[in-house]
Amino acid sequence: MYDQQEKVIELKQRLAEVMTRIEGIEPEKLTVEDIDEFIHVLDQLEEKCK
């Protein structure tokens, strides 16, 4: 149970970091590589949730 709680806390922290980065990007400066990186990070978070 404790490990599960740690996992949830870590996932929340990483998601918050990703959201902060996304919100900080100016849309006109967003590149395809940026989007690919965000998708990759979100995929990693999804895998950790399983």
C-alpha atoms as a PDB file:
ATOM      1  CA  MET A   1       0.000   0.000   0.000  1.00  0.00           C
ATOM      2  CA  TYR A   2       2.817   2.399   0.899  1.00  0.00           C
ATOM      3  CA  ASP A   3       4.562   1.818  -2.431  1.00  0.00           C
ATOM      4  CA  GLN A   4       1.306   2.576  -4.237  1.00  0.00           C
ATOM      5  CA  GLN A   5       0.985   5.893  -2.395  1.00  0.00           C
ATOM      6  CA  GLU A   6       4.563   6.826  -3.267  1.00  0.00           C
ATOM      7  CA  LYS A   7       3.861   5.962  -6.893  1.00  0.00           C
ATOM      8  CA  VAL A   8       0.782   8.206  -6.963  1.00  0.00           C
ATOM      9  CA  ILE A   9       2.708  11.080  -5.371  1.00  0.00           C
ATOM     10  CA  GLU A  10       5.525  10.715  -7.899  1.00  0.00           C
ATOM     11  CA  LEU A  11       3.077  10.596 -10.810  1.00  0.00           C
ATOM     12  CA  LYS A  12       1.290  13.717  -9.572  1.00  0.00           C
ATOM     13  CA  GLN A  13       4.602  15.562  -9.250  1.00  0.00           C
ATOM     14  CA  ARG A  14       5.756  14.577 -12.727  1.00  0.00           C
ATOM     15  CA  LEU A  15       2.399  15.509 -14.239  1.00  0.00           C
ATOM     16  CA  ALA A  16       2.520  18.893 -12.507  1.00  0.00           C
ATOM     17  CA  GLU A  17       6.027  19.446 -13.929  1.00  0.00           C
ATOM     18  CA  VAL A  18       4.866  18.567 -17.436  1.00  0.00           C
ATOM     19  CA  MET A  19       1.836  20.848 -17.157  1.00  0.00           C
ATOM     20  CA  THR A  20       4.027  23.718 -15.951  1.00  0.00           C
ATOM     21  CA  ARG A  21       6.324  23.240 -18.931  1.00  0.00           C
ATOM     22  CA  ILE A  22       3.395  23.073 -21.360  1.00  0.00           C
ATOM     23  CA  GLU A  23       1.817  26.204 -19.922  1.00  0.00           C
ATOM     24  CA  GLY A  24       5.132  28.060 -20.115  1.00  0.00           C
ATOM     25  CA  ILE A  25       5.663  27.510 -23.829  1.00  0.00           C
ATOM     26  CA  GLU A  26       4.668  30.248 -26.202  1.00  0.00           C
ATOM     27  CA  PRO A  27       2.485  28.627 -28.888  1.00  0.00           C
ATOM     28  CA  GLU A  28       4.369  30.265 -31.739  1.00  0.00           C
ATOM     29  CA  LYS A  29       7.637  28.789 -30.443  1.00  0.00           C
ATOM     30  CA  LEU A  30       6.262  25.265 -29.982  1.00  0.00           C
ATOM     31  CA  THR A  31       7.956  22.716 -32.220  1.00  0.00           C
ATOM     32  CA  VAL A  32       6.996  19.241 -33.331  1.00  0.00           C
ATOM     33  CA  GLU A  33       9.899  17.967 -31.215  1.00  0.00           C
ATOM     34  CA  ASP A  34       8.404  19.671 -28.141  1.00  0.00           C
ATOM     35  CA  ILE A  35       5.070  17.984 -28.759  1.00  0.00           C
ATOM     36  CA  ASP A  36       6.778  14.617 -29.301  1.00  0.00           C
ATOM     37  CA  GLU A  37       8.650  15.030 -26.022  1.00  0.00           C
ATOM     38  CA  PHE A  38       5.430  15.832 -24.129  1.00  0.00           C
ATOM     39  CA  ILE A  39       3.691  12.834 -25.655  1.00  0.00           C
ATOM     40  CA  HIS A  40       6.633  10.624 -24.698  1.00  0.00           C
ATOM     41  CA  VAL A  41       6.566  11.836 -21.087  1.00  0.00           C
ATOM     42  CA  LEU A  42       2.802  11.322 -20.897  1.00  0.00           C
ATOM     43  CA  ASP A  43       3.220   7.802 -22.309  1.00  0.00           C
ATOM     44  CA  GLN A  44       5.809   7.092 -19.597  1.00  0.00           C
ATOM     45  CA  LEU A  45       3.418   8.330 -16.923  1.00  0.00           C
ATOM     46  CA  GLU A  46       0.651   6.171 -18.359  1.00  0.00           C
ATOM     47  CA  GLU A  47       2.902   3.096 -18.199  1.00  0.00           C
ATOM     48  CA  LYS A  48       3.708   3.796 -14.558  1.00  0.00           C
ATOM     49  CA  CYS A  49      -0.006   3.914 -13.783  1.00  0.00           C
ATOM     50  CA  LYS A  50      -0.504   0.345 -14.948  1.00  0.00           C
END
